Amino acid sequence: MNFPLKTILIDDEALALSRLRRLLSKHSDVFQIVSEAQNGAEGLLEIDKHRPDVIFLDIEMPLLNGFEMLAKLTTMPLVVFSTAYDQYAIRAFEENSVDYLLKPVENDRLQKTIEKIRNITQSGSHAGHNPYSENLIKLLEEMKPKKEIFSLSVKSGDRILLIPLTEITHFEAEEKYVFLNTLDGQKYLLNFTLTALEEKLPQHYLRISRAAIVNSHHIKEIQKHFSAKFVITMRDRKASQLSSGSTYGEVIRHLLDN
């Protein structure tokens, strides 16, 4: 691994990305920024294209969050998390990643990250074959979603809220984003795909179309529609109506038979 290190910045917050770019530009002898991405899906493409030595990675992002993105990599670069995660998670990152930087990133703290990276490179470790990469892969395995969950976390401004599953009526995909909807009519952006949610959620959450998952405990009404479709009305404050996909009719018929 030769200096300057090929570096990719991955963060969905434009201001955070700009700040990190500005700080790293002061250390051009260490980092050569070859690309940037604003979500995990873009990050995968850029990593595959540029094969970076190191990535600076946010965790809470649309499409694919940082963990989901890393889990899809075949070769693991050095990873520096740039995040606002809680202390428990930070301890895990400290043990298993190259480093973590709390937002807003400060230059003095970045200097310590540079020292760690220099020590790694001087020890002969390189991307894909270093103890940090191996430990990070193990951490990702440990952090895979468990079947039994009771809440989902969502970002609201500078806060992270935990929404109980009992208060969630449905999930909807809109273009490239997935939203969580609650009984009181609130709507939050999620960092999961609908497919990932299907694997995570209890069985009473049902996929009714390519764009929607509903909590069957909060269905108010089901009406037959044309082309073997159904219109489902939820018990949320807005009485949301969702159309089922024609290939999901069996799921709805099963509900009607119970």
Protein backbone atom coordinates (compact mmCIF):
# COMPACT_ATOMS: atom_id res chain seq x y z
CA MET A 1 0.00 0.00 0.00
CA ASN A 2 1.62 3.23 -1.19
CA PHE A 3 1.02 6.83 -0.18
CA PRO A 4 -1.00 8.79 -0.99
CA LEU A 5 -3.76 6.24 -0.33
CA LYS A 6 -6.61 6.02 -2.80
CA THR A 7 -9.57 7.26 -0.77
CA ILE A 8 -13.34 7.30 -1.22
CA LEU A 9 -15.74 9.37 0.92
CA ILE A 10 -19.25 7.96 1.43
CA ASP A 11 -21.83 10.09 3.25
CA ASP A 12 -25.38 11.19 2.43
CA GLU A 13 -24.98 14.56 4.18
CA ALA A 14 -23.55 17.13 1.77
CA LEU A 15 -22.16 19.36 4.54
CA ALA A 16 -20.44 16.44 6.28
CA LEU A 17 -19.00 15.31 2.95
CA SER A 18 -17.72 18.82 2.17
CA ARG A 19 -16.16 19.19 5.63
CA LEU A 20 -14.39 15.83 5.42
CA ARG A 21 -13.14 16.59 1.91
CA ARG A 22 -11.74 19.91 3.10
CA LEU A 23 -9.97 18.32 6.09
CA LEU A 24 -8.48 15.48 4.07
CA SER A 25 -7.23 17.89 1.39
CA LYS A 26 -4.84 19.26 4.01
CA HIS A 27 -3.21 15.83 4.10
CA SER A 28 -2.69 15.20 0.41
CA ASP A 29 0.49 13.30 1.20
CA VAL A 30 -1.67 10.66 2.92
CA PHE A 31 -5.01 10.71 1.09
CA GLN A 32 -5.81 10.97 -2.60
CA ILE A 33 -9.59 11.38 -2.90
CA VAL A 34 -10.52 9.45 -6.02
CA SER A 35 -14.29 9.49 -5.63
CA GLU A 36 -17.30 10.33 -3.44
CA ALA A 37 -20.71 8.71 -2.95
CA GLN A 38 -23.90 9.80 -1.22
CA ASN A 39 -25.33 6.40 -0.33
CA GLY A 40 -24.30 2.78 0.05
CA ALA A 41 -25.44 1.74 -3.42
CA GLU A 42 -23.27 4.43 -5.04
CA GLY A 43 -20.48 3.49 -2.64
CA LEU A 44 -20.44 -0.09 -3.92
CA LEU A 45 -20.13 1.10 -7.52
CA GLU A 46 -17.31 3.52 -6.73
CA ILE A 47 -15.40 0.96 -4.65
CA ASP A 48 -15.67 -1.60 -7.44
CA LYS A 49 -14.48 1.00 -9.95
CA HIS A 50 -11.56 2.51 -8.02
CA ARG A 51 -10.44 -0.26 -5.61
CA PRO A 52 -9.57 2.22 -2.84
CA ASP A 53 -7.05 1.66 -0.06
CA VAL A 54 -9.28 3.37 2.51
CA ILE A 55 -12.87 4.57 2.75
CA PHE A 56 -14.45 7.10 5.11
CA LEU A 57 -17.93 5.72 5.69
CA ASP A 58 -21.12 7.11 7.21
CA ILE A 59 -23.52 4.54 8.69
CA GLU A 60 -27.00 6.06 8.48
CA MET A 61 -27.65 6.36 4.72
CA PRO A 62 -30.54 5.67 2.32
CA LEU A 63 -30.68 2.66 -0.02
CA LEU A 64 -27.94 0.74 1.78
CA ASN A 65 -26.59 1.78 5.15
CA GLY A 66 -22.89 1.51 5.92
CA PHE A 67 -23.15 -1.99 7.39
CA GLU A 68 -25.25 -3.35 4.52
CA MET A 69 -22.80 -1.88 2.02
CA LEU A 70 -19.75 -3.40 3.72
CA ALA A 71 -21.45 -6.79 3.89
CA LYS A 72 -21.64 -6.82 0.08
CA LEU A 73 -17.93 -6.14 -0.51
CA THR A 74 -15.72 -8.95 -1.77
CA THR A 75 -12.51 -7.10 -0.86
CA MET A 76 -12.43 -5.01 2.30
CA PRO A 77 -10.49 -1.71 2.22
CA LEU A 78 -9.39 0.01 5.40
CA VAL A 79 -12.53 1.51 6.95
CA VAL A 80 -12.84 4.72 8.95
CA PHE A 81 -16.36 5.28 10.25
CA SER A 82 -17.66 8.84 10.28
CA THR A 83 -20.70 8.67 12.50
CA ALA A 84 -22.75 9.87 15.46
CA TYR A 85 -23.40 6.40 16.88
CA ASP A 86 -23.82 5.63 20.57
CA GLN A 87 -20.98 4.70 22.92
CA TYR A 88 -21.65 0.97 22.84
CA ALA A 89 -21.32 0.84 19.08
CA ILE A 90 -18.28 3.10 19.14
CA ARG A 91 -16.42 0.65 21.36
CA ALA A 92 -17.15 -2.08 18.83
CA PHE A 93 -15.89 0.12 15.98
CA GLU A 94 -12.77 0.99 17.93
CA GLU A 95 -11.89 -2.68 18.29
CA ASN A 96 -12.84 -3.82 14.81
CA SER A 97 -12.34 -0.94 12.37
CA VAL A 98 -9.33 1.23 11.65
CA ASP A 99 -10.95 4.13 13.47
CA TYR A 100 -14.12 6.13 14.01
CA LEU A 101 -14.68 9.88 13.74
CA LEU A 102 -17.55 11.55 15.51
CA LYS A 103 -19.33 14.26 13.57
CA PRO A 104 -18.51 17.06 13.17
CA VAL A 105 -15.05 15.74 12.34
CA GLU A 106 -12.21 17.78 13.83
CA ASN A 107 -8.68 18.05 12.42
CA ASP A 108 -7.00 17.14 15.73
CA ARG A 109 -8.98 13.90 15.87
CA LEU A 110 -8.25 13.19 12.22
CA GLN A 111 -4.52 13.36 13.02
CA LYS A 112 -4.91 10.34 15.31
CA THR A 113 -6.62 8.45 12.50
CA ILE A 114 -3.70 9.25 10.19
CA GLU A 115 -1.26 7.92 12.79
CA LYS A 116 -3.20 4.65 13.03
CA ILE A 117 -3.28 4.27 9.25
CA ARG A 118 0.46 4.91 9.02
CA ASN A 119 1.10 2.25 11.67
CA ILE A 120 -1.03 -0.26 9.77
CA THR A 121 0.75 0.35 6.48
CA GLN A 122 4.19 0.22 8.11
CA SER A 123 3.34 -3.14 9.67
CA GLY A 124 2.85 -4.56 6.20
CA SER A 125 -0.94 -4.97 6.34
CA HIS A 126 -2.89 -4.13 3.21
CA ALA A 127 -6.50 -3.87 2.11
CA GLY A 128 -8.31 -7.19 2.30
CA HIS A 129 -5.53 -8.81 4.37
CA ASN A 130 -5.29 -6.94 7.63
CA PRO A 131 -6.60 -7.73 11.12
CA TYR A 132 -8.94 -4.75 11.04
CA SER A 133 -10.66 -6.01 7.89
CA GLU A 134 -10.95 -9.53 9.30
CA ASN A 135 -12.36 -8.27 12.60
CA LEU A 136 -14.76 -5.94 10.79
CA ILE A 137 -16.13 -8.85 8.75
CA LYS A 138 -16.74 -10.75 12.01
CA LEU A 139 -18.46 -7.69 13.49
CA LEU A 140 -20.76 -7.44 10.46
CA GLU A 141 -21.73 -11.08 10.90
CA GLU A 142 -22.55 -10.46 14.57
CA MET A 143 -24.61 -7.39 13.68
CA LYS A 144 -26.78 -9.13 11.09
CA PRO A 145 -30.49 -8.55 11.81
CA LYS A 146 -32.00 -11.03 14.25
CA LYS A 147 -35.44 -12.52 13.60
CA GLU A 148 -36.91 -11.27 16.87
CA ILE A 149 -36.95 -7.49 17.02
CA PHE A 150 -39.22 -5.08 18.85
CA SER A 151 -38.41 -1.68 17.32
CA LEU A 152 -36.70 0.03 14.39
CA SER A 153 -34.43 3.06 14.57
CA VAL A 154 -35.04 6.11 12.42
CA LYS A 155 -33.19 9.39 12.09
CA SER A 156 -35.06 12.58 12.99
CA GLY A 157 -32.84 15.63 12.68
CA ASP A 158 -29.92 15.08 15.06
CA ARG A 159 -31.80 12.40 16.99
CA ILE A 160 -32.22 8.67 16.50
CA LEU A 161 -35.73 7.49 17.44
CA LEU A 162 -36.75 3.95 18.29
CA ILE A 163 -40.18 3.15 16.83
CA PRO A 164 -41.92 0.12 18.42
CA LEU A 165 -43.13 -2.42 15.87
CA THR A 166 -46.55 -2.29 17.52
CA GLU A 167 -46.91 1.35 16.34
CA ILE A 168 -45.87 0.68 12.74
CA THR A 169 -48.71 0.21 10.25
CA HIS A 170 -46.83 -0.20 7.00
CA PHE A 171 -43.71 0.42 4.92
CA GLU A 172 -43.71 1.93 1.45
CA ALA A 173 -41.02 2.27 -1.20
CA GLU A 174 -41.08 5.56 -3.10
CA GLU A 175 -38.58 5.69 -5.96
CA LYS A 176 -35.25 4.75 -4.32
CA TYR A 177 -36.34 5.28 -0.69
CA VAL A 178 -38.28 3.29 1.89
CA PHE A 179 -40.52 4.96 4.47
CA LEU A 180 -41.92 3.70 7.76
CA ASN A 181 -45.49 4.78 8.65
CA THR A 182 -46.99 4.84 12.15
CA LEU A 183 -50.45 4.75 13.72
CA ASP A 184 -50.33 8.48 14.50
CA GLY A 185 -49.67 9.34 10.85
CA GLN A 186 -45.93 9.98 11.10
CA LYS A 187 -43.62 9.02 8.26
CA TYR A 188 -39.87 8.35 8.56
CA LEU A 189 -37.12 7.52 6.09
CA LEU A 190 -35.54 4.11 6.69
CA ASN A 191 -32.13 2.71 5.82
CA PHE A 192 -33.48 -0.72 4.86
CA THR A 193 -34.73 -2.10 1.59
CA LEU A 194 -38.12 -3.82 1.64
CA THR A 195 -36.36 -7.12 0.99
CA ALA A 196 -34.15 -6.61 4.05
CA LEU A 197 -37.23 -5.73 6.12
CA GLU A 198 -38.96 -8.93 5.04
CA GLU A 199 -36.09 -10.92 6.54
CA LYS A 200 -36.11 -8.87 9.75
CA LEU A 201 -39.78 -8.44 10.60
CA PRO A 202 -42.19 -10.87 12.38
CA GLN A 203 -44.51 -13.00 10.28
CA HIS A 204 -47.55 -10.74 10.70
CA TYR A 205 -45.80 -8.15 8.51
CA LEU A 206 -46.79 -9.09 4.97
CA ARG A 207 -45.38 -8.05 1.61
CA ILE A 208 -48.40 -7.09 -0.50
CA SER A 209 -46.61 -5.58 -3.49
CA ARG A 210 -43.15 -4.73 -4.76
CA ALA A 211 -43.55 -1.36 -3.01
CA ALA A 212 -45.31 -2.16 0.28
CA ILE A 213 -45.25 -4.24 3.46
CA VAL A 214 -48.18 -4.03 5.90
CA ASN A 215 -48.66 -4.90 9.55
CA SER A 216 -51.64 -7.27 9.36
CA HIS A 217 -52.55 -6.37 12.96
CA HIS A 218 -53.39 -2.85 11.79
CA ILE A 219 -55.46 -3.63 8.68
CA LYS A 220 -58.90 -2.05 8.89
CA GLU A 221 -60.45 -3.16 5.62
CA ILE A 222 -59.71 -5.17 2.48
CA GLN A 223 -61.59 -4.53 -0.77
CA LYS A 224 -61.37 -6.54 -3.95
CA HIS A 225 -60.06 -4.62 -6.95
CA PHE A 226 -59.67 -5.40 -10.63
CA SER A 227 -56.95 -7.69 -12.10
CA ALA A 228 -56.83 -9.89 -8.98
CA LYS A 229 -55.71 -6.93 -6.89
CA PHE A 230 -56.93 -5.67 -3.52
CA VAL A 231 -57.11 -2.27 -1.82
CA ILE A 232 -56.08 -2.39 1.83
CA THR A 233 -57.08 0.34 4.28
CA MET A 234 -54.90 0.72 7.36
CA ARG A 235 -55.88 1.84 10.88
CA ASP A 236 -53.49 4.79 10.96
CA ARG A 237 -54.68 8.37 11.45
CA LYS A 238 -54.63 8.99 7.70
CA ALA A 239 -56.54 5.76 6.89
CA SER A 240 -53.84 4.99 4.33
CA GLN A 241 -54.89 2.89 1.35
CA LEU A 242 -52.46 0.51 -0.31
CA SER A 243 -52.92 -1.51 -3.48
CA SER A 244 -51.68 -5.06 -3.61
CA GLY A 245 -49.68 -6.38 -6.53
CA SER A 246 -51.38 -8.87 -8.82
CA THR A 247 -48.79 -11.54 -7.98
CA TYR A 248 -49.40 -11.13 -4.23
CA GLY A 249 -53.06 -12.13 -4.32
CA GLU A 250 -52.45 -15.39 -2.47
CA VAL A 251 -51.11 -13.48 0.52
CA ILE A 252 -54.29 -11.40 0.70
CA ARG A 253 -56.59 -14.39 0.18
CA HIS A 254 -54.85 -16.13 3.05
CA LEU A 255 -55.68 -13.15 5.25
CA LEU A 256 -59.34 -13.26 4.17
CA ASP A 257 -59.58 -16.98 5.01
CA ASN A 258 -58.34 -16.46 8.59
